Amino acid sequence: MQTEEKRTAAVFKALADENRIRILKLLQNGEKCACVLLDDLKITQPTMSHHMKILCDSDIVVGRKEGKWIYYSISSDGASAAIRCLQELTQINYTDKSCCEK
C-alpha cells in the first residue's frame, strides 16, 4: 500500500511533464487509442509507453485493452483524488502555533 506522500508525489510527477499535459488535453475529449495519441504527439512508442505508465500509476488515467490496442481515458475518480491532493497539501492551518513561540 502506498503512503499518502508517495501517492501525492505520483500525482505531481504525472502532471510535471509537457508531453503528459498534452496527453491529458487530448483525453479531455474522451477515450483515445494509444495509436491515435502516438500520431498526435509525434513521439516514439517507447516514450509513449513511459508517459502512459506514469499517468496510469497516478490513477489519473486508466487504460483498457481491446485486441492489440490499449484505449486510454481520464479517470474521474483519479482526477478527483488529484484535486483533493492539491487542496489538502495547500490548505493553510493556523491552529498549529508551535513554531517560534516562546
PDB file of N, CA and C in Angstrom:
ATOM      1  N   MET A   1       0.835  -1.190   0.000  1.00  0.00           N
ATOM      2  CA  MET A   1       0.000   0.000   0.000  1.00  0.00           C
ATOM      3  C   MET A   1       0.879   1.253   0.000  1.00  0.00           C
ATOM      4  N   GLN A   2       0.475   2.239  -0.785  1.00  0.00           N
ATOM      5  CA  GLN A   2       1.253   3.471  -0.884  1.00  0.00           C
ATOM      6  C   GLN A   2       0.957   4.397   0.286  1.00  0.00           C
ATOM      7  N   THR A   3       1.997   5.093   0.713  1.00  0.00           N
ATOM      8  CA  THR A   3       1.772   6.124   1.716  1.00  0.00           C
ATOM      9  C   THR A   3       1.138   7.330   1.036  1.00  0.00           C
ATOM     10  N   GLU A   4       0.542   8.177   1.833  1.00  0.00           N
ATOM     11  CA  GLU A   4      -0.094   9.379   1.289  1.00  0.00           C
ATOM     12  C   GLU A   4       0.916  10.241   0.539  1.00  0.00           C
ATOM     13  N   GLU A   5       2.133  10.331   1.063  1.00  0.00           N
ATOM     14  CA  GLU A   5       3.167  11.139   0.418  1.00  0.00           C
ATOM     15  C   GLU A   5       3.578  10.562  -0.931  1.00  0.00           C
ATOM     16  N   LYS A   6       3.688   9.242  -1.020  1.00  0.00           N
ATOM     17  CA  LYS A   6       4.040   8.611  -2.299  1.00  0.00           C
ATOM     18  C   LYS A   6       2.934   8.814  -3.325  1.00  0.00           C
ATOM     19  N   ARG A   7       1.702   8.724  -2.867  1.00  0.00           N
ATOM     20  CA  ARG A   7       0.554   8.919  -3.764  1.00  0.00           C
ATOM     21  C   ARG A   7       0.544  10.357  -4.293  1.00  0.00           C
ATOM     22  N   THR A   8       0.782  11.309  -3.410  1.00  0.00           N
ATOM     23  CA  THR A   8       0.827  12.715  -3.808  1.00  0.00           C
ATOM     24  C   THR A   8       1.965  12.960  -4.788  1.00  0.00           C
ATOM     25  N   ALA A   9       3.128  12.381  -4.511  1.00  0.00           N
ATOM     26  CA  ALA A   9       4.276  12.537  -5.411  1.00  0.00           C
ATOM     27  C   ALA A   9       3.978  11.945  -6.789  1.00  0.00           C
ATOM     28  N   ALA A  10       3.281  10.818  -6.833  1.00  0.00           N
ATOM     29  CA  ALA A  10       2.929  10.196  -8.121  1.00  0.00           C
ATOM     30  C   ALA A  10       2.007  11.105  -8.935  1.00  0.00           C
ATOM     31  N   VAL A  11       1.080  11.768  -8.258  1.00  0.00           N
ATOM     32  CA  VAL A  11       0.165  12.697  -8.944  1.00  0.00           C
ATOM     33  C   VAL A  11       0.949  13.863  -9.531  1.00  0.00           C
ATOM     34  N   PHE A  12       1.817  14.462  -8.720  1.00  0.00           N
ATOM     35  CA  PHE A  12       2.572  15.612  -9.208  1.00  0.00           C
ATOM     36  C   PHE A  12       3.576  15.218 -10.283  1.00  0.00           C
ATOM     37  N   LYS A  13       4.140  14.016 -10.181  1.00  0.00           N
ATOM     38  CA  LYS A  13       5.037  13.540 -11.230  1.00  0.00           C
ATOM     39  C   LYS A  13       4.278  13.419 -12.548  1.00  0.00           C
ATOM     40  N   ALA A  14       3.052  12.916 -12.479  1.00  0.00           N
ATOM     41  CA  ALA A  14       2.240  12.760 -13.692  1.00  0.00           C
ATOM     42  C   ALA A  14       1.954  14.098 -14.352  1.00  0.00           C
ATOM     43  N   LEU A  15       1.823  15.138 -13.552  1.00  0.00           N
ATOM     44  CA  LEU A  15       1.466  16.451 -14.078  1.00  0.00           C
ATOM     45  C   LEU A  15       2.676  17.324 -14.396  1.00  0.00           C
ATOM     46  N   ALA A  16       3.871  16.814 -14.158  1.00  0.00           N
ATOM     47  CA  ALA A  16       5.082  17.635 -14.266  1.00  0.00           C
ATOM     48  C   ALA A  16       5.847  17.446 -15.572  1.00  0.00           C
ATOM     49  N   ASP A  17       5.146  17.123 -16.639  1.00  0.00           N
ATOM     50  CA  ASP A  17       5.821  16.912 -17.920  1.00  0.00           C
ATOM     51  C   ASP A  17       4.933  17.441 -19.048  1.00  0.00           C
ATOM     52  N   GLU A  18       5.531  18.160 -19.984  1.00  0.00           N
ATOM     53  CA  GLU A  18       4.765  18.754 -21.093  1.00  0.00           C
ATOM     54  C   GLU A  18       4.035  17.704 -21.929  1.00  0.00           C
ATOM     55  N   ASN A  19       4.696  16.583 -22.214  1.00  0.00           N
ATOM     56  CA  ASN A  19       4.046  15.545 -23.022  1.00  0.00           C
ATOM     57  C   ASN A  19       2.845  14.946 -22.294  1.00  0.00           C
ATOM     58  N   ARG A  20       2.970  14.752 -20.981  1.00  0.00           N
ATOM     59  CA  ARG A  20       1.852  14.197 -20.229  1.00  0.00           C
ATOM     60  C   ARG A  20       0.699  15.195 -20.144  1.00  0.00           C
ATOM     61  N   ILE A  21       1.012  16.476 -20.081  1.00  0.00           N
ATOM     62  CA  ILE A  21      -0.040  17.503 -20.122  1.00  0.00           C
ATOM     63  C   ILE A  21      -0.742  17.456 -21.478  1.00  0.00           C
ATOM     64  N   ARG A  22       0.033  17.302 -22.557  1.00  0.00           N
ATOM     65  CA  ARG A  22      -0.571  17.189 -23.902  1.00  0.00           C
ATOM     66  C   ARG A  22      -1.483  15.964 -23.990  1.00  0.00           C
ATOM     67  N   ILE A  23      -1.024  14.864 -23.407  1.00  0.00           N
ATOM     68  CA  ILE A  23      -1.833  13.638 -23.414  1.00  0.00           C
ATOM     69  C   ILE A  23      -3.156  13.887 -22.691  1.00  0.00           C
ATOM     70  N   LEU A  24      -3.098  14.512 -21.528  1.00  0.00           N
ATOM     71  CA  LEU A  24      -4.328  14.796 -20.781  1.00  0.00           C
ATOM     72  C   LEU A  24      -5.257  15.703 -21.569  1.00  0.00           C
ATOM     73  N   LYS A  25      -4.707  16.684 -22.265  1.00  0.00           N
ATOM     74  CA  LYS A  25      -5.538  17.568 -23.081  1.00  0.00           C
ATOM     75  C   LYS A  25      -6.216  16.792 -24.209  1.00  0.00           C
ATOM     76  N   LEU A  26      -5.493  15.850 -24.806  1.00  0.00           N
ATOM     77  CA  LEU A  26      -6.089  15.029 -25.864  1.00  0.00           C
ATOM     78  C   LEU A  26      -7.196  14.133 -25.302  1.00  0.00           C
ATOM     79  N   LEU A  27      -7.021  13.678 -24.086  1.00  0.00           N
ATOM     80  CA  LEU A  27      -8.004  12.784 -23.472  1.00  0.00           C
ATOM     81  C   LEU A  27      -9.218  13.530 -22.925  1.00  0.00           C
ATOM     82  N   GLN A  28      -9.163  14.848 -22.870  1.00  0.00           N
ATOM     83  CA  GLN A  28     -10.309  15.620 -22.395  1.00  0.00           C
ATOM     84  C   GLN A  28     -11.533  15.423 -23.282  1.00  0.00           C
ATOM     85  N   ASN A  29     -11.308  15.078 -24.539  1.00  0.00           N
ATOM     86  CA  ASN A  29     -12.410  14.865 -25.479  1.00  0.00           C
ATOM     87  C   ASN A  29     -12.911  13.428 -25.472  1.00  0.00           C
ATOM     88  N   GLY A  30     -12.410  12.618 -24.554  1.00  0.00           N
ATOM     89  CA  GLY A  30     -12.860  11.234 -24.451  1.00  0.00           C
ATOM     90  C   GLY A  30     -11.752  10.240 -24.699  1.00  0.00           C
ATOM     91  N   GLU A  31     -12.120   8.985 -24.614  1.00  0.00           N
ATOM     92  CA  GLU A  31     -11.191   7.873 -24.751  1.00  0.00           C
ATOM     93  C   GLU A  31     -10.473   7.904 -26.098  1.00  0.00           C
ATOM     94  N   LYS A  32      -9.185   7.593 -26.069  1.00  0.00           N
ATOM     95  CA  LYS A  32      -8.376   7.559 -27.302  1.00  0.00           C
ATOM     96  C   LYS A  32      -7.512   6.300 -27.307  1.00  0.00           C
ATOM     97  N   CYS A  33      -7.371   5.753 -28.495  1.00  0.00           N
ATOM     98  CA  CYS A  33      -6.471   4.631 -28.699  1.00  0.00           C
ATOM     99  C   CYS A  33      -5.033   5.131 -28.603  1.00  0.00           C
ATOM    100  N   ALA A  34      -4.154   4.298 -28.091  1.00  0.00           N
ATOM    101  CA  ALA A  34      -2.744   4.663 -27.984  1.00  0.00           C
ATOM    102  C   ALA A  34      -2.175   5.061 -29.343  1.00  0.00           C
ATOM    103  N   CYS A  35      -2.622   4.417 -30.396  1.00  0.00           N
ATOM    104  CA  CYS A  35      -2.114   4.734 -31.735  1.00  0.00           C
ATOM    105  C   CYS A  35      -2.478   6.157 -32.146  1.00  0.00           C
ATOM    106  N   VAL A  36      -3.659   6.625 -31.767  1.00  0.00           N
ATOM    107  CA  VAL A  36      -4.088   7.986 -32.073  1.00  0.00           C
ATOM    108  C   VAL A  36      -3.251   8.980 -31.274  1.00  0.00           C
ATOM    109  N   LEU A  37      -3.046   8.694 -29.996  1.00  0.00           N
ATOM    110  CA  LEU A  37      -2.218   9.563 -29.162  1.00  0.00           C
ATOM    111  C   LEU A  37      -0.797   9.634 -29.722  1.00  0.00           C
ATOM    112  N   LEU A  38      -0.288   8.505 -30.132  1.00  0.00           N
ATOM    113  CA  LEU A  38       1.061   8.425 -30.684  1.00  0.00           C
ATOM    114  C   LEU A  38       1.199   9.303 -31.923  1.00  0.00           C
ATOM    115  N   ASP A  39       0.224   9.237 -32.815  1.00  0.00           N
ATOM    116  CA  ASP A  39       0.252  10.061 -34.030  1.00  0.00           C
ATOM    117  C   ASP A  39       0.150  11.556 -33.707  1.00  0.00           C
ATOM    118  N   ASP A  40      -0.722  11.900 -32.765  1.00  0.00           N
ATOM    119  CA  ASP A  40      -0.919  13.317 -32.418  1.00  0.00           C
ATOM    120  C   ASP A  40       0.296  13.918 -31.727  1.00  0.00           C
ATOM    121  N   LEU A  41       1.006  13.128 -30.948  1.00  0.00           N
ATOM    122  CA  LEU A  41       2.116  13.651 -30.149  1.00  0.00           C
ATOM    123  C   LEU A  41       3.457  13.638 -30.873  1.00  0.00           C
ATOM    124  N   LYS A  42       3.563  12.844 -31.903  1.00  0.00           N
ATOM    125  CA  LYS A  42       4.827  12.741 -32.658  1.00  0.00           C
ATOM    126  C   LYS A  42       5.986  12.315 -31.750  1.00  0.00           C
ATOM    127  N   ILE A  43       5.740  11.277 -30.944  1.00  0.00           N
ATOM    128  CA  ILE A  43       6.783  10.702 -30.102  1.00  0.00           C
ATOM    129  C   ILE A  43       6.913   9.224 -30.426  1.00  0.00           C
ATOM    130  N   THR A  44       7.959   8.598 -29.941  1.00  0.00           N
ATOM    131  CA  THR A  44       8.159   7.172 -30.223  1.00  0.00           C
ATOM    132  C   THR A  44       7.254   6.329 -29.321  1.00  0.00           C
ATOM    133  N   GLN A  45       7.051   5.096 -29.714  1.00  0.00           N
ATOM    134  CA  GLN A  45       6.198   4.195 -28.942  1.00  0.00           C
ATOM    135  C   GLN A  45       6.767   3.948 -27.539  1.00  0.00           C
ATOM    136  N   PRO A  46       8.092   3.714 -27.390  1.00  0.00           N
ATOM    137  CA  PRO A  46       8.616   3.522 -26.031  1.00  0.00           C
ATOM    138  C   PRO A  46       8.418   4.760 -25.142  1.00  0.00           C
ATOM    139  N   THR A  47       8.554   5.949 -25.724  1.00  0.00           N
ATOM    140  CA  THR A  47       8.337   7.182 -24.968  1.00  0.00           C
ATOM    141  C   THR A  47       6.872   7.287 -24.552  1.00  0.00           C
ATOM    142  N   MET A  48       5.988   6.936 -25.468  1.00  0.00           N
ATOM    143  CA  MET A  48       4.550   6.949 -25.167  1.00  0.00           C
ATOM    144  C   MET A  48       4.243   5.978 -24.019  1.00  0.00           C
ATOM    145  N   SER A  49       4.782   4.788 -24.078  1.00  0.00           N
ATOM    146  CA  SER A  49       4.561   3.791 -23.024  1.00  0.00           C
ATOM    147  C   SER A  49       5.033   4.308 -21.668  1.00  0.00           C
ATOM    148  N   HIS A  50       6.187   4.961 -21.666  1.00  0.00           N
ATOM    149  CA  HIS A  50       6.737   5.538 -20.433  1.00  0.00           C
ATOM    150  C   HIS A  50       5.767   6.565 -19.843  1.00  0.00           C
ATOM    151  N   HIS A  51       5.279   7.482 -20.669  1.00  0.00           N
ATOM    152  CA  HIS A  51       4.363   8.510 -20.192  1.00  0.00           C
ATOM    153  C   HIS A  51       3.037   7.911 -19.719  1.00  0.00           C
ATOM    154  N   MET A  52       2.529   6.925 -20.447  1.00  0.00           N
ATOM    155  CA  MET A  52       1.258   6.323 -20.066  1.00  0.00           C
ATOM    156  C   MET A  52       1.384   5.547 -18.764  1.00  0.00           C
ATOM    157  N   LYS A  53       2.519   4.927 -18.527  1.00  0.00           N
ATOM    158  CA  LYS A  53       2.735   4.217 -17.264  1.00  0.00           C
ATOM    159  C   LYS A  53       2.681   5.195 -16.099  1.00  0.00           C
ATOM    160  N   ILE A  54       3.329   6.326 -16.242  1.00  0.00           N
ATOM    161  CA  ILE A  54       3.334   7.326 -15.175  1.00  0.00           C
ATOM    162  C   ILE A  54       1.926   7.869 -14.940  1.00  0.00           C
ATOM    163  N   LEU A  55       1.204   8.156 -16.011  1.00  0.00           N
ATOM    164  CA  LEU A  55      -0.169   8.653 -15.867  1.00  0.00           C
ATOM    165  C   LEU A  55      -1.088   7.601 -15.237  1.00  0.00           C
ATOM    166  N   CYS A  56      -0.933   6.358 -15.639  1.00  0.00           N
ATOM    167  CA  CYS A  56      -1.760   5.287 -15.072  1.00  0.00           C
ATOM    168  C   CYS A  56      -1.373   4.990 -13.620  1.00  0.00           C
ATOM    169  N   ASP A  57      -0.080   5.036 -13.304  1.00  0.00           N
ATOM    170  CA  ASP A  57       0.364   4.820 -11.922  1.00  0.00           C
ATOM    171  C   ASP A  57      -0.196   5.877 -10.979  1.00  0.00           C
ATOM    172  N   SER A  58      -0.462   7.068 -11.505  1.00  0.00           N
ATOM    173  CA  SER A  58      -1.019   8.145 -10.685  1.00  0.00           C
ATOM    174  C   SER A  58      -2.537   8.001 -10.522  1.00  0.00           C
ATOM    175  N   ASP A  59      -3.128   7.085 -11.269  1.00  0.00           N
ATOM    176  CA  ASP A  59      -4.577   6.846 -11.303  1.00  0.00           C
ATOM    177  C   ASP A  59      -5.370   7.964 -11.972  1.00  0.00           C
ATOM    178  N   ILE A  60      -4.690   8.928 -12.575  1.00  0.00           N
ATOM    179  CA  ILE A  60      -5.385   9.998 -13.283  1.00  0.00           C
ATOM    180  C   ILE A  60      -5.918   9.470 -14.622  1.00  0.00           C
ATOM    181  N   VAL A  61      -5.198   8.518 -15.205  1.00  0.00           N
ATOM    182  CA  VAL A  61      -5.585   7.913 -16.486  1.00  0.00           C
ATOM    183  C   VAL A  61      -5.747   6.411 -16.276  1.00  0.00           C
ATOM    184  N   VAL A  62      -6.718   5.840 -16.973  1.00  0.00           N
ATOM    185  CA  VAL A  62      -6.912   4.393 -16.978  1.00  0.00           C
ATOM    186  C   VAL A  62      -6.837   3.892 -18.410  1.00  0.00           C
ATOM    187  N   GLY A  63      -6.409   2.655 -18.546  1.00  0.00           N
ATOM    188  CA  GLY A  63      -6.336   2.040 -19.872  1.00  0.00           C
ATOM    189  C   GLY A  63      -7.124   0.752 -19.898  1.00  0.00           C
ATOM    190  N   ARG A  64      -7.676   0.464 -21.054  1.00  0.00           N
ATOM    191  CA  ARG A  64      -8.355  -0.822 -21.246  1.00  0.00           C
ATOM    192  C   ARG A  64      -7.865  -1.422 -22.550  1.00  0.00           C
ATOM    193  N   LYS A  65      -7.588  -2.700 -22.502  1.00  0.00           N
ATOM    194  CA  LYS A  65      -7.053  -3.398 -23.661  1.00  0.00           C
ATOM    195  C   LYS A  65      -8.199  -3.948 -24.501  1.00  0.00           C
ATOM    196  N   GLU A  66      -8.093  -3.719 -25.798  1.00  0.00           N
ATOM    197  CA  GLU A  66      -9.052  -4.273 -26.751  1.00  0.00           C
ATOM    198  C   GLU A  66      -8.247  -4.782 -27.936  1.00  0.00           C
ATOM    199  N   GLY A  67      -8.165  -6.098 -28.063  1.00  0.00           N
ATOM    200  CA  GLY A  67      -7.307  -6.672 -29.093  1.00  0.00           C
ATOM    201  C   GLY A  67      -5.863  -6.343 -28.805  1.00  0.00           C
ATOM    202  N   LYS A  68      -5.184  -5.798 -29.806  1.00  0.00           N
ATOM    203  CA  LYS A  68      -3.772  -5.452 -29.599  1.00  0.00           C
ATOM    204  C   LYS A  68      -3.580  -4.001 -29.172  1.00  0.00           C
ATOM    205  N   TRP A  69      -4.673  -3.257 -29.054  1.00  0.00           N
ATOM    206  CA  TRP A  69      -4.578  -1.838 -28.716  1.00  0.00           C
ATOM    207  C   TRP A  69      -5.032  -1.574 -27.295  1.00  0.00           C
ATOM    208  N   ILE A  70      -4.508  -0.485 -26.746  1.00  0.00           N
ATOM    209  CA  ILE A  70      -4.954  -0.017 -25.435  1.00  0.00           C
ATOM    210  C   ILE A  70      -5.634   1.331 -25.633  1.00  0.00           C
ATOM    211  N   TYR A  71      -6.803   1.461 -25.039  1.00  0.00           N
ATOM    212  CA  TYR A  71      -7.576   2.698 -25.101  1.00  0.00           C
ATOM    213  C   TYR A  71      -7.480   3.387 -23.738  1.00  0.00           C
ATOM    214  N   TYR A  72      -7.104   4.661 -23.774  1.00  0.00           N
ATOM    215  CA  TYR A  72      -6.885   5.419 -22.543  1.00  0.00           C
ATOM    216  C   TYR A  72      -7.963   6.474 -22.358  1.00  0.00           C
ATOM    217  N   SER A  73      -8.268   6.756 -21.101  1.00  0.00           N
ATOM    218  CA  SER A  73      -9.205   7.822 -20.760  1.00  0.00           C
ATOM    219  C   SER A  73      -8.843   8.390 -19.393  1.00  0.00           C
ATOM    220  N   ILE A  74      -9.337   9.591 -19.140  1.00  0.00           N
ATOM    221  CA  ILE A  74      -9.137  10.205 -17.831  1.00  0.00           C
ATOM    222  C   ILE A  74     -10.099   9.537 -16.854  1.00  0.00           C
ATOM    223  N   SER A  75      -9.572   9.168 -15.703  1.00  0.00           N
ATOM    224  CA  SER A  75     -10.390   8.576 -14.650  1.00  0.00           C
ATOM    225  C   SER A  75     -11.000   9.697 -13.816  1.00  0.00           C
ATOM    226  N   SER A  76     -12.325   9.751 -13.756  1.00  0.00           N
ATOM    227  CA  SER A  76     -12.951  10.808 -12.954  1.00  0.00           C
ATOM    228  C   SER A  76     -12.601  10.646 -11.472  1.00  0.00           C
ATOM    229  N   ASP A  77     -12.507   9.409 -11.004  1.00  0.00           N
ATOM    230  CA  ASP A  77     -12.106   9.180  -9.606  1.00  0.00           C
ATOM    231  C   ASP A  77     -10.668   9.620  -9.377  1.00  0.00           C
ATOM    232  N   GLY A  78      -9.787   9.284 -10.309  1.00  0.00           N
ATOM    233  CA  GLY A  78      -8.381   9.677 -10.194  1.00  0.00           C
ATOM    234  C   GLY A  78      -8.196  11.180 -10.273  1.00  0.00           C
ATOM    235  N   ALA A  79      -8.949  11.829 -11.161  1.00  0.00           N
ATOM    236  CA  ALA A  79      -8.867  13.284 -11.289  1.00  0.00           C
ATOM    237  C   ALA A  79      -9.364  13.955 -10.010  1.00  0.00           C
ATOM    238  N   SER A  80     -10.446  13.447  -9.443  1.00  0.00           N
ATOM    239  CA  SER A  80     -10.968  13.997  -8.185  1.00  0.00           C
ATOM    240  C   SER A  80      -9.961  13.815  -7.047  1.00  0.00           C
ATOM    241  N   ALA A  81      -9.314  12.662  -7.020  1.00  0.00           N
ATOM    242  CA  ALA A  81      -8.300  12.415  -5.980  1.00  0.00           C
ATOM    243  C   ALA A  81      -7.117  13.368  -6.143  1.00  0.00           C
ATOM    244  N   ALA A  82      -6.726  13.656  -7.381  1.00  0.00           N
ATOM    245  CA  ALA A  82      -5.629  14.594  -7.634  1.00  0.00           C
ATOM    246  C   ALA A  82      -5.992  15.994  -7.159  1.00  0.00           C
ATOM    247  N   ILE A  83      -7.227  16.389  -7.399  1.00  0.00           N
ATOM    248  CA  ILE A  83      -7.697  17.702  -6.938  1.00  0.00           C
ATOM    249  C   ILE A  83      -7.668  17.764  -5.414  1.00  0.00           C
ATOM    250  N   ARG A  84      -8.154  16.705  -4.765  1.00  0.00           N
ATOM    251  CA  ARG A  84      -8.130  16.662  -3.295  1.00  0.00           C
ATOM    252  C   ARG A  84      -6.707  16.717  -2.765  1.00  0.00           C
ATOM    253  N   CYS A  85      -5.795  16.040  -3.463  1.00  0.00           N
ATOM    254  CA  CYS A  85      -4.373  16.046  -3.082  1.00  0.00           C
ATOM    255  C   CYS A  85      -3.849  17.479  -3.007  1.00  0.00           C
ATOM    256  N   LEU A  86      -4.074  18.238  -4.060  1.00  0.00           N
ATOM    257  CA  LEU A  86      -3.593  19.615  -4.105  1.00  0.00           C
ATOM    258  C   LEU A  86      -4.281  20.467  -3.047  1.00  0.00           C
ATOM    259  N   GLN A  87      -5.577  20.288  -2.882  1.00  0.00           N
ATOM    260  CA  GLN A  87      -6.301  21.060  -1.876  1.00  0.00           C
ATOM    261  C   GLN A  87      -5.787  20.775  -0.467  1.00  0.00           C
ATOM    262  N   GLU A  88      -5.586  19.508  -0.151  1.00  0.00           N
ATOM    263  CA  GLU A  88      -5.100  19.138   1.182  1.00  0.00           C
ATOM    264  C   GLU A  88      -3.677  19.622   1.413  1.00  0.00           C
ATOM    265  N   LEU A  89      -2.867  19.548   0.394  1.00  0.00           N
ATOM    266  CA  LEU A  89      -1.472  19.944   0.524  1.00  0.00           C
ATOM    267  C   LEU A  89      -1.316  21.452   0.698  1.00  0.00           C
ATOM    268  N   THR A  90      -2.216  22.223   0.126  1.00  0.00           N
ATOM    269  CA  THR A  90      -2.093  23.679   0.164  1.00  0.00           C
ATOM    270  C   THR A  90      -3.047  24.336   1.160  1.00  0.00           C
ATOM    271  N   GLN A  91      -3.744  23.517   1.932  1.00  0.00           N
ATOM    272  CA  GLN A  91      -4.656  24.060   2.935  1.00  0.00           C
ATOM    273  C   GLN A  91      -3.844  24.675   4.071  1.00  0.00           C
ATOM    274  N   ILE A  92      -4.149  25.896   4.397  1.00  0.00           N
ATOM    275  CA  ILE A  92      -3.443  26.596   5.468  1.00  0.00           C
ATOM    276  C   ILE A  92      -4.116  26.271   6.795  1.00  0.00           C
ATOM    277  N   ASN A  93      -3.294  25.889   7.771  1.00  0.00           N
ATOM    278  CA  ASN A  93      -3.799  25.508   9.078  1.00  0.00           C
ATOM    279  C   ASN A  93      -3.174  26.434  10.117  1.00  0.00           C
ATOM    280  N   TYR A  94      -3.935  27.392  10.571  1.00  0.00           N
ATOM    281  CA  TYR A  94      -3.426  28.363  11.536  1.00  0.00           C
ATOM    282  C   TYR A  94      -3.532  27.886  12.974  1.00  0.00           C
ATOM    283  N   THR A  95      -4.052  26.702  13.223  1.00  0.00           N
ATOM    284  CA  THR A  95      -4.217  26.236  14.598  1.00  0.00           C
ATOM    285  C   THR A  95      -2.910  25.759  15.211  1.00  0.00           C
ATOM    286  N   ASP A  96      -1.931  25.389  14.394  1.00  0.00           N
ATOM    287  CA  ASP A  96      -0.634  24.938  14.908  1.00  0.00           C
ATOM    288  C   ASP A  96       0.268  26.139  15.098  1.00  0.00           C
ATOM    289  N   LYS A  97       0.462  26.547  16.342  1.00  0.00           N
ATOM    290  CA  LYS A  97       1.265  27.732  16.636  1.00  0.00           C
ATOM    291  C   LYS A  97       2.539  27.352  17.365  1.00  0.00           C
ATOM    292  N   SER A  98       3.028  26.151  17.134  1.00  0.00           N
ATOM    293  CA  SER A  98       4.199  25.662  17.860  1.00  0.00           C
ATOM    294  C   SER A  98       5.507  26.280  17.341  1.00  0.00           C
ATOM    295  N   CYS A  99       5.491  26.805  16.159  1.00  0.00           N
ATOM    296  CA  CYS A  99       6.707  27.346  15.553  1.00  0.00           C
ATOM    297  C   CYS A  99       7.044  28.705  16.146  1.00  0.00           C
ATOM    298  N   CYS A 100       8.232  28.811  16.638  1.00  0.00           N
ATOM    299  CA  CYS A 100       8.810  30.085  17.076  1.00  0.00           C
ATOM    300  C   CYS A 100       8.063  30.781  18.212  1.00  0.00           C
ATOM    301  N   GLU A 101       7.229  30.072  18.941  1.00  0.00           N
ATOM    302  CA  GLU A 101       6.569  30.699  20.084  1.00  0.00           C
ATOM    303  C   GLU A 101       7.418  30.517  21.324  1.00  0.00           C
ATOM    304  N   LYS A 102       7.371  31.520  22.173  1.00  0.00           N
ATOM    305  CA  LYS A 102       8.148  31.469  23.410  1.00  0.00           C
ATOM    306  C   LYS A 102       7.250  31.452  24.602  1.00  0.00           C
TER     307      LYS A 102
END
